[in-house]
Amino acid sequence: MLHIVRLLEQRFPAHAHLVVPILATAAGLGLLAGMVLLLNR
């Protein structure tokens, strides 16, 4: 997982500070979607 972050930082140095919040948001949304799917079964 961390090597993906490093790759993104090298490719988009100007946006490196955005990588972590975006990944955190994506993880949060995935968790939320998983919970909703579990509750709707």
PDB file of N, CA and C in Angstrom:
ATOM      1  N   MET A   1       0.829  -1.200   0.000  1.00  0.00           N
ATOM      2  CA  MET A   1       0.000   0.000   0.000  1.00  0.00           C
ATOM      3  C   MET A   1       0.868   1.257   0.000  1.00  0.00           C
ATOM      4  N   LEU A   2       1.910   1.251   0.828  1.00  0.00           N
ATOM      5  CA  LEU A   2       2.752   2.442   0.950  1.00  0.00           C
ATOM      6  C   LEU A   2       3.515   2.747  -0.325  1.00  0.00           C
ATOM      7  N   HIS A   3       3.896   1.694  -1.067  1.00  0.00           N
ATOM      8  CA  HIS A   3       4.658   1.939  -2.298  1.00  0.00           C
ATOM      9  C   HIS A   3       3.792   2.640  -3.346  1.00  0.00           C
ATOM     10  N   ILE A   4       2.478   2.432  -3.280  1.00  0.00           N
ATOM     11  CA  ILE A   4       1.564   3.130  -4.196  1.00  0.00           C
ATOM     12  C   ILE A   4       1.579   4.626  -3.882  1.00  0.00           C
ATOM     13  N   VAL A   5       1.569   4.944  -2.580  1.00  0.00           N
ATOM     14  CA  VAL A   5       1.614   6.350  -2.158  1.00  0.00           C
ATOM     15  C   VAL A   5       2.908   6.996  -2.629  1.00  0.00           C
ATOM     16  N   ARG A   6       4.023   6.283  -2.472  1.00  0.00           N
ATOM     17  CA  ARG A   6       5.328   6.807  -2.910  1.00  0.00           C
ATOM     18  C   ARG A   6       5.318   7.076  -4.420  1.00  0.00           C
ATOM     19  N   LEU A   7       4.740   6.137  -5.168  1.00  0.00           N
ATOM     20  CA  LEU A   7       4.657   6.280  -6.625  1.00  0.00           C
ATOM     21  C   LEU A   7       3.866   7.526  -6.991  1.00  0.00           C
ATOM     22  N   LEU A   8       2.731   7.714  -6.328  1.00  0.00           N
ATOM     23  CA  LEU A   8       1.889   8.880  -6.604  1.00  0.00           C
ATOM     24  C   LEU A   8       2.627  10.169  -6.256  1.00  0.00           C
ATOM     25  N   GLU A   9       3.376  10.144  -5.138  1.00  0.00           N
ATOM     26  CA  GLU A   9       4.128  11.330  -4.728  1.00  0.00           C
ATOM     27  C   GLU A   9       5.187  11.693  -5.760  1.00  0.00           C
ATOM     28  N   GLN A  10       5.832  10.675  -6.338  1.00  0.00           N
ATOM     29  CA  GLN A  10       6.866  10.935  -7.341  1.00  0.00           C
ATOM     30  C   GLN A  10       6.257  11.453  -8.637  1.00  0.00           C
ATOM     31  N   ARG A  11       5.091  10.902  -8.992  1.00  0.00           N
ATOM     32  CA  ARG A  11       4.466  11.284 -10.256  1.00  0.00           C
ATOM     33  C   ARG A  11       3.792  12.653 -10.167  1.00  0.00           C
ATOM     34  N   PHE A  12       3.176  12.939  -9.016  1.00  0.00           N
ATOM     35  CA  PHE A  12       2.491  14.229  -8.838  1.00  0.00           C
ATOM     36  C   PHE A  12       3.020  14.927  -7.590  1.00  0.00           C
ATOM     37  N   PRO A  13       4.259  15.439  -7.637  1.00  0.00           N
ATOM     38  CA  PRO A  13       4.847  16.065  -6.441  1.00  0.00           C
ATOM     39  C   PRO A  13       4.030  17.238  -5.924  1.00  0.00           C
ATOM     40  N   ALA A  14       3.364  17.967  -6.819  1.00  0.00           N
ATOM     41  CA  ALA A  14       2.583  19.128  -6.405  1.00  0.00           C
ATOM     42  C   ALA A  14       1.329  18.706  -5.643  1.00  0.00           C
ATOM     43  N   HIS A  15       0.861  17.480  -5.915  1.00  0.00           N
ATOM     44  CA  HIS A  15      -0.379  17.021  -5.294  1.00  0.00           C
ATOM     45  C   HIS A  15      -0.119  15.995  -4.190  1.00  0.00           C
ATOM     46  N   ALA A  16       1.148  15.868  -3.763  1.00  0.00           N
ATOM     47  CA  ALA A  16       1.506  14.845  -2.778  1.00  0.00           C
ATOM     48  C   ALA A  16       0.708  15.015  -1.484  1.00  0.00           C
ATOM     49  N   HIS A  17       0.444  16.283  -1.109  1.00  0.00           N
ATOM     50  CA  HIS A  17      -0.281  16.526   0.138  1.00  0.00           C
ATOM     51  C   HIS A  17      -1.754  16.135   0.025  1.00  0.00           C
ATOM     52  N   LEU A  18      -2.234  15.903  -1.211  1.00  0.00           N
ATOM     53  CA  LEU A  18      -3.629  15.511  -1.419  1.00  0.00           C
ATOM     54  C   LEU A  18      -3.814  14.001  -1.393  1.00  0.00           C
ATOM     55  N   VAL A  19      -2.709  13.263  -1.581  1.00  0.00           N
ATOM     56  CA  VAL A  19      -2.809  11.804  -1.720  1.00  0.00           C
ATOM     57  C   VAL A  19      -3.411  11.164  -0.472  1.00  0.00           C
ATOM     58  N   VAL A  20      -2.899  11.532   0.701  1.00  0.00           N
ATOM     59  CA  VAL A  20      -3.356  10.897   1.946  1.00  0.00           C
ATOM     60  C   VAL A  20      -4.829  11.178   2.235  1.00  0.00           C
ATOM     61  N   PRO A  21      -5.288  12.445   2.167  1.00  0.00           N
ATOM     62  CA  PRO A  21      -6.717  12.700   2.404  1.00  0.00           C
ATOM     63  C   PRO A  21      -7.626  11.973   1.419  1.00  0.00           C
ATOM     64  N   ILE A  22      -7.200  11.890   0.155  1.00  0.00           N
ATOM     65  CA  ILE A  22      -8.013  11.202  -0.859  1.00  0.00           C
ATOM     66  C   ILE A  22      -8.107   9.712  -0.526  1.00  0.00           C
ATOM     67  N   LEU A  23      -6.968   9.105  -0.144  1.00  0.00           N
ATOM     68  CA  LEU A  23      -6.979   7.686   0.216  1.00  0.00           C
ATOM     69  C   LEU A  23      -7.825   7.452   1.462  1.00  0.00           C
ATOM     70  N   ALA A  24      -7.720   8.363   2.437  1.00  0.00           N
ATOM     71  CA  ALA A  24      -8.506   8.230   3.667  1.00  0.00           C
ATOM     72  C   ALA A  24      -9.995   8.339   3.368  1.00  0.00           C
ATOM     73  N   THR A  25     -10.355   9.287   2.485  1.00  0.00           N
ATOM     74  CA  THR A  25     -11.760   9.460   2.097  1.00  0.00           C
ATOM     75  C   THR A  25     -12.271   8.219   1.379  1.00  0.00           C
ATOM     76  N   ALA A  26     -11.462   7.693   0.459  1.00  0.00           N
ATOM     77  CA  ALA A  26     -11.858   6.495  -0.284  1.00  0.00           C
ATOM     78  C   ALA A  26     -12.052   5.316   0.670  1.00  0.00           C
ATOM     79  N   ALA A  27     -11.161   5.175   1.640  1.00  0.00           N
ATOM     80  CA  ALA A  27     -11.279   4.089   2.619  1.00  0.00           C
ATOM     81  C   ALA A  27     -12.546   4.259   3.446  1.00  0.00           C
ATOM     82  N   GLY A  28     -12.839   5.495   3.849  1.00  0.00           N
ATOM     83  CA  GLY A  28     -14.047   5.773   4.627  1.00  0.00           C
ATOM     84  C   GLY A  28     -15.307   5.457   3.845  1.00  0.00           C
ATOM     85  N   LEU A  29     -15.327   5.857   2.571  1.00  0.00           N
ATOM     86  CA  LEU A  29     -16.491   5.585   1.719  1.00  0.00           C
ATOM     87  C   LEU A  29     -16.665   4.086   1.509  1.00  0.00           C
ATOM     88  N   GLY A  30     -15.567   3.377   1.319  1.00  0.00           N
ATOM     89  CA  GLY A  30     -15.627   1.930   1.142  1.00  0.00           C
ATOM     90  C   GLY A  30     -16.183   1.246   2.379  1.00  0.00           C
ATOM     91  N   LEU A  31     -15.744   1.709   3.548  1.00  0.00           N
ATOM     92  CA  LEU A  31     -16.230   1.162   4.808  1.00  0.00           C
ATOM     93  C   LEU A  31     -17.726   1.415   4.955  1.00  0.00           C
ATOM     94  N   LEU A  32     -18.135   2.639   4.636  1.00  0.00           N
ATOM     95  CA  LEU A  32     -19.547   3.024   4.724  1.00  0.00           C
ATOM     96  C   LEU A  32     -20.395   2.169   3.790  1.00  0.00           C
ATOM     97  N   ALA A  33     -19.925   2.012   2.543  1.00  0.00           N
ATOM     98  CA  ALA A  33     -20.654   1.204   1.559  1.00  0.00           C
ATOM     99  C   ALA A  33     -20.767  -0.244   2.033  1.00  0.00           C
ATOM    100  N   GLY A  34     -19.690  -0.772   2.607  1.00  0.00           N
ATOM    101  CA  GLY A  34     -19.705  -2.137   3.117  1.00  0.00           C
ATOM    102  C   GLY A  34     -20.722  -2.311   4.233  1.00  0.00           C
ATOM    103  N   MET A  35     -20.791  -1.326   5.139  1.00  0.00           N
ATOM    104  CA  MET A  35     -21.752  -1.392   6.240  1.00  0.00           C
ATOM    105  C   MET A  35     -23.178  -1.328   5.717  1.00  0.00           C
ATOM    106  N   VAL A  36     -23.426  -0.436   4.754  1.00  0.00           N
ATOM    107  CA  VAL A  36     -24.766  -0.298   4.174  1.00  0.00           C
ATOM    108  C   VAL A  36     -25.198  -1.601   3.509  1.00  0.00           C
ATOM    109  N   LEU A  37     -24.267  -2.219   2.762  1.00  0.00           N
ATOM    110  CA  LEU A  37     -24.576  -3.485   2.089  1.00  0.00           C
ATOM    111  C   LEU A  37     -24.891  -4.580   3.107  1.00  0.00           C
ATOM    112  N   LEU A  38     -24.130  -4.599   4.204  1.00  0.00           N
ATOM    113  CA  LEU A  38     -24.369  -5.605   5.241  1.00  0.00           C
ATOM    114  C   LEU A  38     -25.728  -5.396   5.895  1.00  0.00           C
ATOM    115  N   LEU A  39     -26.093  -4.142   6.143  1.00  0.00           N
ATOM    116  CA  LEU A  39     -27.363  -3.837   6.809  1.00  0.00           C
ATOM    117  C   LEU A  39     -28.553  -4.099   5.903  1.00  0.00           C
ATOM    118  N   ASN A  40     -28.364  -3.971   4.597  1.00  0.00           N
ATOM    119  CA  ASN A  40     -29.482  -4.115   3.660  1.00  0.00           C
ATOM    120  C   ASN A  40     -29.776  -5.559   3.286  1.00  0.00           C
ATOM    121  N   ARG A  41     -28.893  -6.485   3.723  1.00  0.00           N
ATOM    122  CA  ARG A  41     -29.113  -7.879   3.336  1.00  0.00           C
ATOM    123  C   ARG A  41     -30.323  -8.453   4.043  1.00  0.00           C
TER     124      ARG A  41
END
